[in-house]
Amino acid sequence: MTITPKILAFAGSLRRDSFNKKLVRVAMAGARQAGAEVTFIDLKDYPLPIYDGDIEDESGMPENALKLQDLFCENNGLLIACPEYNSSFSGALKNTIDWISRPRKERTPLFCFDGKVAGLMAASPGGLGGIRMLPSLRTLLQNIKVIVTPTMMSVPKAHQAFNEQGDLIDAKQKASVEAIGAEVTNLLAKLNQ
């Protein structure tokens, strides 16, 4: 029996008209074409305080952190598009990871990351498209037990890369980003045989 891969897709950007939100939607199309069930979330819909152990000790996990943990647990793959801020990934993404990596009474630390498969991409108005950030994001995810696919993609000059519908104008770029979604889907299918 074949299990349909379930993938959670999101951007590490909070900006309403984020290039990375557009980019991850392109990868989602590739994942769906390959047979995955894909859910998009916007981190802006799950505001979290900066991770602080005192907050956790005094008030427990914020409600949005618990919701995100549940979403991560319900999916076995991740598609993440993240902007590059000062040669690193965004604080919003790091803070989200910090909160949802916390243990719960019935679960161990990293339970919602362990064994997930992730595809990574970046878009930036700069000439490098976020490529300097992707290796450090790969390292972070691998350290928390996520399997990261070999292919990563960056889209430079993102302010010129998308049409009014939010799709990539360049057919080769579009195919490469869709291929990341398909790669995550295909790896999940192999792992779940």
C-alpha atoms as a PDB file:
ATOM      1  CA  MET A   1       0.000   0.000   0.000  1.00  0.00           C
ATOM      2  CA  THR A   2       1.375   3.399  -1.011  1.00  0.00           C
ATOM      3  CA  ILE A   3       1.075   6.240   1.494  1.00  0.00           C
ATOM      4  CA  THR A   4       0.510   9.715   0.035  1.00  0.00           C
ATOM      5  CA  PRO A   5       3.349  11.994   1.180  1.00  0.00           C
ATOM      6  CA  LYS A   6       2.115  14.927   3.279  1.00  0.00           C
ATOM      7  CA  ILE A   7       4.183  18.091   3.023  1.00  0.00           C
ATOM      8  CA  LEU A   8       4.041  21.326   4.995  1.00  0.00           C
ATOM      9  CA  ALA A   9       5.164  24.362   2.956  1.00  0.00           C
ATOM     10  CA  PHE A  10       6.051  27.790   4.306  1.00  0.00           C
ATOM     11  CA  ALA A  11       8.388  30.740   3.973  1.00  0.00           C
ATOM     12  CA  GLY A  12      10.718  32.069   6.625  1.00  0.00           C
ATOM     13  CA  SER A  13       9.404  35.541   5.854  1.00  0.00           C
ATOM     14  CA  LEU A  14       6.610  37.479   7.513  1.00  0.00           C
ATOM     15  CA  ARG A  15       6.280  40.111   4.765  1.00  0.00           C
ATOM     16  CA  ARG A  16       2.862  40.106   3.099  1.00  0.00           C
ATOM     17  CA  ASP A  17       4.203  40.214  -0.473  1.00  0.00           C
ATOM     18  CA  SER A  18       7.218  38.007   0.246  1.00  0.00           C
ATOM     19  CA  PHE A  19       9.192  36.646  -2.690  1.00  0.00           C
ATOM     20  CA  ASN A  20       9.785  33.498  -0.668  1.00  0.00           C
ATOM     21  CA  LYS A  21       6.062  32.903  -0.164  1.00  0.00           C
ATOM     22  CA  LYS A  22       5.729  33.050  -3.955  1.00  0.00           C
ATOM     23  CA  LEU A  23       8.748  30.774  -4.383  1.00  0.00           C
ATOM     24  CA  VAL A  24       7.516  28.047  -2.041  1.00  0.00           C
ATOM     25  CA  ARG A  25       4.185  27.993  -3.898  1.00  0.00           C
ATOM     26  CA  VAL A  26       6.079  27.093  -7.088  1.00  0.00           C
ATOM     27  CA  ALA A  27       7.734  24.183  -5.271  1.00  0.00           C
ATOM     28  CA  MET A  28       4.321  23.150  -3.942  1.00  0.00           C
ATOM     29  CA  ALA A  29       3.078  22.751  -7.513  1.00  0.00           C
ATOM     30  CA  GLY A  30       5.948  20.361  -8.234  1.00  0.00           C
ATOM     31  CA  ALA A  31       5.186  18.358  -5.098  1.00  0.00           C
ATOM     32  CA  ARG A  32       1.504  18.093  -5.977  1.00  0.00           C
ATOM     33  CA  GLN A  33       2.316  17.018  -9.546  1.00  0.00           C
ATOM     34  CA  ALA A  34       4.496  14.273  -8.053  1.00  0.00           C
ATOM     35  CA  GLY A  35       1.596  13.029  -5.893  1.00  0.00           C
ATOM     36  CA  ALA A  36       1.951  14.795  -2.548  1.00  0.00           C
ATOM     37  CA  GLU A  37      -0.703  16.387  -0.399  1.00  0.00           C
ATOM     38  CA  VAL A  38       0.651  19.860   0.397  1.00  0.00           C
ATOM     39  CA  THR A  39      -0.458  22.352   3.050  1.00  0.00           C
ATOM     40  CA  PHE A  40       0.732  25.970   2.930  1.00  0.00           C
ATOM     41  CA  ILE A  41       1.011  27.994   6.125  1.00  0.00           C
ATOM     42  CA  ASP A  42       2.019  31.599   6.685  1.00  0.00           C
ATOM     43  CA  LEU A  43       4.174  32.084   9.787  1.00  0.00           C
ATOM     44  CA  LYS A  44       2.570  35.519  10.181  1.00  0.00           C
ATOM     45  CA  ASP A  45      -0.622  33.670  11.168  1.00  0.00           C
ATOM     46  CA  TYR A  46       1.251  32.067  14.106  1.00  0.00           C
ATOM     47  CA  PRO A  47       2.911  34.957  15.977  1.00  0.00           C
ATOM     48  CA  LEU A  48       5.322  33.874  18.684  1.00  0.00           C
ATOM     49  CA  PRO A  49       7.360  35.747  21.284  1.00  0.00           C
ATOM     50  CA  ILE A  50      11.134  35.458  20.984  1.00  0.00           C
ATOM     51  CA  TYR A  51      12.025  32.115  22.560  1.00  0.00           C
ATOM     52  CA  ASP A  52      12.638  32.589  26.275  1.00  0.00           C
ATOM     53  CA  GLY A  53      12.965  29.699  28.709  1.00  0.00           C
ATOM     54  CA  ASP A  54      11.415  31.859  31.441  1.00  0.00           C
ATOM     55  CA  ILE A  55       8.241  32.275  29.364  1.00  0.00           C
ATOM     56  CA  GLU A  56       8.130  28.531  28.812  1.00  0.00           C
ATOM     57  CA  ASP A  57       8.691  27.805  32.520  1.00  0.00           C
ATOM     58  CA  GLU A  58       6.143  30.342  33.741  1.00  0.00           C
ATOM     59  CA  SER A  59       3.392  30.040  31.113  1.00  0.00           C
ATOM     60  CA  GLY A  60       4.144  26.871  29.183  1.00  0.00           C
ATOM     61  CA  MET A  61       4.329  26.682  25.427  1.00  0.00           C
ATOM     62  CA  PRO A  62       2.505  29.469  23.561  1.00  0.00           C
ATOM     63  CA  GLU A  63      -0.681  28.281  21.864  1.00  0.00           C
ATOM     64  CA  ASN A  64       0.753  28.995  18.405  1.00  0.00           C
ATOM     65  CA  ALA A  65       3.856  26.927  19.139  1.00  0.00           C
ATOM     66  CA  LEU A  66       1.608  23.999  20.070  1.00  0.00           C
ATOM     67  CA  LYS A  67      -0.427  24.469  16.875  1.00  0.00           C
ATOM     68  CA  LEU A  68       2.759  24.510  14.804  1.00  0.00           C
ATOM     69  CA  GLN A  69       4.097  21.407  16.534  1.00  0.00           C
ATOM     70  CA  ASP A  70       0.877  19.611  15.652  1.00  0.00           C
ATOM     71  CA  LEU A  71       1.103  20.759  12.013  1.00  0.00           C
ATOM     72  CA  PHE A  72       4.695  19.548  11.778  1.00  0.00           C
ATOM     73  CA  CYS A  73       3.726  16.196  13.292  1.00  0.00           C
ATOM     74  CA  GLU A  74       0.866  15.752  10.810  1.00  0.00           C
ATOM     75  CA  ASN A  75       3.257  16.092   7.852  1.00  0.00           C
ATOM     76  CA  ASN A  76       6.288  14.039   6.917  1.00  0.00           C
ATOM     77  CA  GLY A  77       7.912  16.549   4.573  1.00  0.00           C
ATOM     78  CA  LEU A  78       8.781  20.238   4.509  1.00  0.00           C
ATOM     79  CA  LEU A  79       9.230  22.796   1.759  1.00  0.00           C
ATOM     80  CA  ILE A  80      10.973  25.882   3.111  1.00  0.00           C
ATOM     81  CA  ALA A  81      11.767  29.078   1.228  1.00  0.00           C
ATOM     82  CA  CYS A  82      13.675  31.607   3.278  1.00  0.00           C
ATOM     83  CA  PRO A  83      15.048  35.083   2.695  1.00  0.00           C
ATOM     84  CA  GLU A  84      18.672  35.833   3.435  1.00  0.00           C
ATOM     85  CA  TYR A  85      19.167  38.449   6.124  1.00  0.00           C
ATOM     86  CA  ASN A  86      22.803  39.462   6.654  1.00  0.00           C
ATOM     87  CA  SER A  87      24.079  36.184   5.147  1.00  0.00           C
ATOM     88  CA  SER A  88      21.866  34.039   7.390  1.00  0.00           C
ATOM     89  CA  PHE A  89      18.286  32.775   7.615  1.00  0.00           C
ATOM     90  CA  SER A  90      15.557  34.940   9.086  1.00  0.00           C
ATOM     91  CA  GLY A  91      14.960  35.415  12.787  1.00  0.00           C
ATOM     92  CA  ALA A  92      11.304  34.472  12.236  1.00  0.00           C
ATOM     93  CA  LEU A  93      12.324  31.039  10.940  1.00  0.00           C
ATOM     94  CA  LYS A  94      14.875  30.458  13.691  1.00  0.00           C
ATOM     95  CA  ASN A  95      12.428  31.522  16.400  1.00  0.00           C
ATOM     96  CA  THR A  96       9.757  29.199  14.993  1.00  0.00           C
ATOM     97  CA  ILE A  97      12.206  26.299  15.003  1.00  0.00           C
ATOM     98  CA  ASP A  98      13.345  27.142  18.542  1.00  0.00           C
ATOM     99  CA  TRP A  99       9.790  27.064  19.885  1.00  0.00           C
ATOM    100  CA  ILE A 100       8.529  23.982  18.094  1.00  0.00           C
ATOM    101  CA  SER A 101      11.638  21.967  18.878  1.00  0.00           C
ATOM    102  CA  ARG A 102      10.692  22.035  22.560  1.00  0.00           C
ATOM    103  CA  PRO A 103       9.594  18.789  24.234  1.00  0.00           C
ATOM    104  CA  ARG A 104       6.092  18.147  25.488  1.00  0.00           C
ATOM    105  CA  LYS A 105       5.264  15.881  28.417  1.00  0.00           C
ATOM    106  CA  GLU A 106       4.292  13.021  26.139  1.00  0.00           C
ATOM    107  CA  ARG A 107       7.023  13.649  23.535  1.00  0.00           C
ATOM    108  CA  THR A 108      10.801  14.019  23.409  1.00  0.00           C
ATOM    109  CA  PRO A 109      12.709  17.058  22.119  1.00  0.00           C
ATOM    110  CA  LEU A 110      12.763  17.369  18.311  1.00  0.00           C
ATOM    111  CA  PHE A 111       9.857  14.909  17.982  1.00  0.00           C
ATOM    112  CA  CYS A 112       8.247  17.027  15.277  1.00  0.00           C
ATOM    113  CA  PHE A 113      11.458  17.227  13.185  1.00  0.00           C
ATOM    114  CA  ASP A 114      12.889  13.714  13.552  1.00  0.00           C
ATOM    115  CA  GLY A 115      12.938  11.963  10.161  1.00  0.00           C
ATOM    116  CA  LYS A 116      11.216  14.743   8.205  1.00  0.00           C
ATOM    117  CA  VAL A 117      12.422  15.320   4.630  1.00  0.00           C
ATOM    118  CA  ALA A 118      12.969  18.953   3.611  1.00  0.00           C
ATOM    119  CA  GLY A 119      13.593  20.831   0.390  1.00  0.00           C
ATOM    120  CA  LEU A 120      15.202  24.264   0.677  1.00  0.00           C
ATOM    121  CA  MET A 121      15.122  27.343  -1.517  1.00  0.00           C
ATOM    122  CA  ALA A 122      15.662  31.085  -1.280  1.00  0.00           C
ATOM    123  CA  ALA A 123      14.768  34.237  -3.185  1.00  0.00           C
ATOM    124  CA  SER A 124      16.365  37.632  -2.735  1.00  0.00           C
ATOM    125  CA  PRO A 125      16.530  40.922  -4.617  1.00  0.00           C
ATOM    126  CA  GLY A 126      20.329  40.631  -4.467  1.00  0.00           C
ATOM    127  CA  GLY A 127      22.547  39.061  -7.086  1.00  0.00           C
ATOM    128  CA  LEU A 128      23.144  35.839  -5.137  1.00  0.00           C
ATOM    129  CA  GLY A 129      19.504  35.064  -4.382  1.00  0.00           C
ATOM    130  CA  GLY A 130      20.112  33.889  -0.827  1.00  0.00           C
ATOM    131  CA  ILE A 131      22.655  31.181  -1.681  1.00  0.00           C
ATOM    132  CA  ARG A 132      24.951  32.145   1.238  1.00  0.00           C
ATOM    133  CA  MET A 133      22.204  31.304   3.732  1.00  0.00           C
ATOM    134  CA  LEU A 134      21.148  27.906   2.415  1.00  0.00           C
ATOM    135  CA  PRO A 135      24.145  25.854   3.694  1.00  0.00           C
ATOM    136  CA  SER A 136      23.680  27.140   7.249  1.00  0.00           C
ATOM    137  CA  LEU A 137      19.955  26.367   7.118  1.00  0.00           C
ATOM    138  CA  ARG A 138      20.801  22.879   5.839  1.00  0.00           C
ATOM    139  CA  THR A 139      23.198  22.394   8.760  1.00  0.00           C
ATOM    140  CA  LEU A 140      20.645  23.572  11.329  1.00  0.00           C
ATOM    141  CA  LEU A 141      17.969  21.225   9.987  1.00  0.00           C
ATOM    142  CA  GLN A 142      20.307  18.244   9.766  1.00  0.00           C
ATOM    143  CA  ASN A 143      21.353  18.871  13.373  1.00  0.00           C
ATOM    144  CA  ILE A 144      17.716  18.552  14.457  1.00  0.00           C
ATOM    145  CA  LYS A 145      17.290  15.224  12.612  1.00  0.00           C
ATOM    146  CA  VAL A 146      15.758  16.488   9.349  1.00  0.00           C
ATOM    147  CA  ILE A 147      16.808  14.793   6.097  1.00  0.00           C
ATOM    148  CA  VAL A 148      17.555  17.606   3.627  1.00  0.00           C
ATOM    149  CA  THR A 149      17.429  16.813  -0.084  1.00  0.00           C
ATOM    150  CA  PRO A 150      20.636  17.424  -2.058  1.00  0.00           C
ATOM    151  CA  THR A 151      19.166  20.022  -4.405  1.00  0.00           C
ATOM    152  CA  MET A 152      18.779  23.607  -3.211  1.00  0.00           C
ATOM    153  CA  MET A 153      17.728  26.566  -5.320  1.00  0.00           C
ATOM    154  CA  SER A 154      18.236  30.310  -5.055  1.00  0.00           C
ATOM    155  CA  VAL A 155      16.522  32.959  -7.160  1.00  0.00           C
ATOM    156  CA  PRO A 156      18.492  36.210  -7.526  1.00  0.00           C
ATOM    157  CA  LYS A 157      16.900  39.539  -8.459  1.00  0.00           C
ATOM    158  CA  ALA A 158      13.630  38.249  -7.058  1.00  0.00           C
ATOM    159  CA  HIS A 159      11.941  41.622  -7.537  1.00  0.00           C
ATOM    160  CA  GLN A 160      12.146  40.918 -11.295  1.00  0.00           C
ATOM    161  CA  ALA A 161      11.727  37.118 -11.225  1.00  0.00           C
ATOM    162  CA  PHE A 162       7.965  36.770 -10.658  1.00  0.00           C
ATOM    163  CA  ASN A 163       5.017  37.735 -12.827  1.00  0.00           C
ATOM    164  CA  GLU A 164       1.832  39.386 -11.497  1.00  0.00           C
ATOM    165  CA  GLN A 165       0.321  35.961 -10.743  1.00  0.00           C
ATOM    166  CA  GLY A 166       3.281  35.118  -8.477  1.00  0.00           C
ATOM    167  CA  ASP A 167       4.846  32.576 -10.828  1.00  0.00           C
ATOM    168  CA  LEU A 168       8.484  32.520 -11.921  1.00  0.00           C
ATOM    169  CA  ILE A 169       8.973  34.106 -15.326  1.00  0.00           C
ATOM    170  CA  ASP A 170      12.045  32.067 -16.276  1.00  0.00           C
ATOM    171  CA  ALA A 171      10.965  28.572 -17.357  1.00  0.00           C
ATOM    172  CA  LYS A 172      14.256  26.951 -16.264  1.00  0.00           C
ATOM    173  CA  GLN A 173      14.038  28.487 -12.794  1.00  0.00           C
ATOM    174  CA  LYS A 174      10.420  27.411 -12.502  1.00  0.00           C
ATOM    175  CA  ALA A 175      11.263  23.838 -13.509  1.00  0.00           C
ATOM    176  CA  SER A 176      14.168  23.739 -11.027  1.00  0.00           C
ATOM    177  CA  VAL A 177      12.000  24.931  -8.138  1.00  0.00           C
ATOM    178  CA  GLU A 178       9.180  22.534  -9.037  1.00  0.00           C
ATOM    179  CA  ALA A 179      11.800  19.764  -9.106  1.00  0.00           C
ATOM    180  CA  ILE A 180      12.603  20.446  -5.441  1.00  0.00           C
ATOM    181  CA  GLY A 181       8.971  19.766  -4.552  1.00  0.00           C
ATOM    182  CA  ALA A 182       9.045  16.581  -6.628  1.00  0.00           C
ATOM    183  CA  GLU A 183      12.355  15.516  -5.048  1.00  0.00           C
ATOM    184  CA  VAL A 184      10.917  15.774  -1.528  1.00  0.00           C
ATOM    185  CA  THR A 185       7.788  13.879  -2.623  1.00  0.00           C
ATOM    186  CA  ASN A 186       9.742  11.105  -4.341  1.00  0.00           C
ATOM    187  CA  LEU A 187      12.131  10.637  -1.402  1.00  0.00           C
ATOM    188  CA  LEU A 188       9.197  10.432   1.006  1.00  0.00           C
ATOM    189  CA  ALA A 189       7.536   7.849  -1.221  1.00  0.00           C
ATOM    190  CA  LYS A 190      10.709   5.714  -1.199  1.00  0.00           C
ATOM    191  CA  LEU A 191      11.140   6.008   2.557  1.00  0.00           C
ATOM    192  CA  ASN A 192       7.517   5.025   3.195  1.00  0.00           C
ATOM    193  CA  GLN A 193       7.382   1.928   0.940  1.00  0.00           C
END
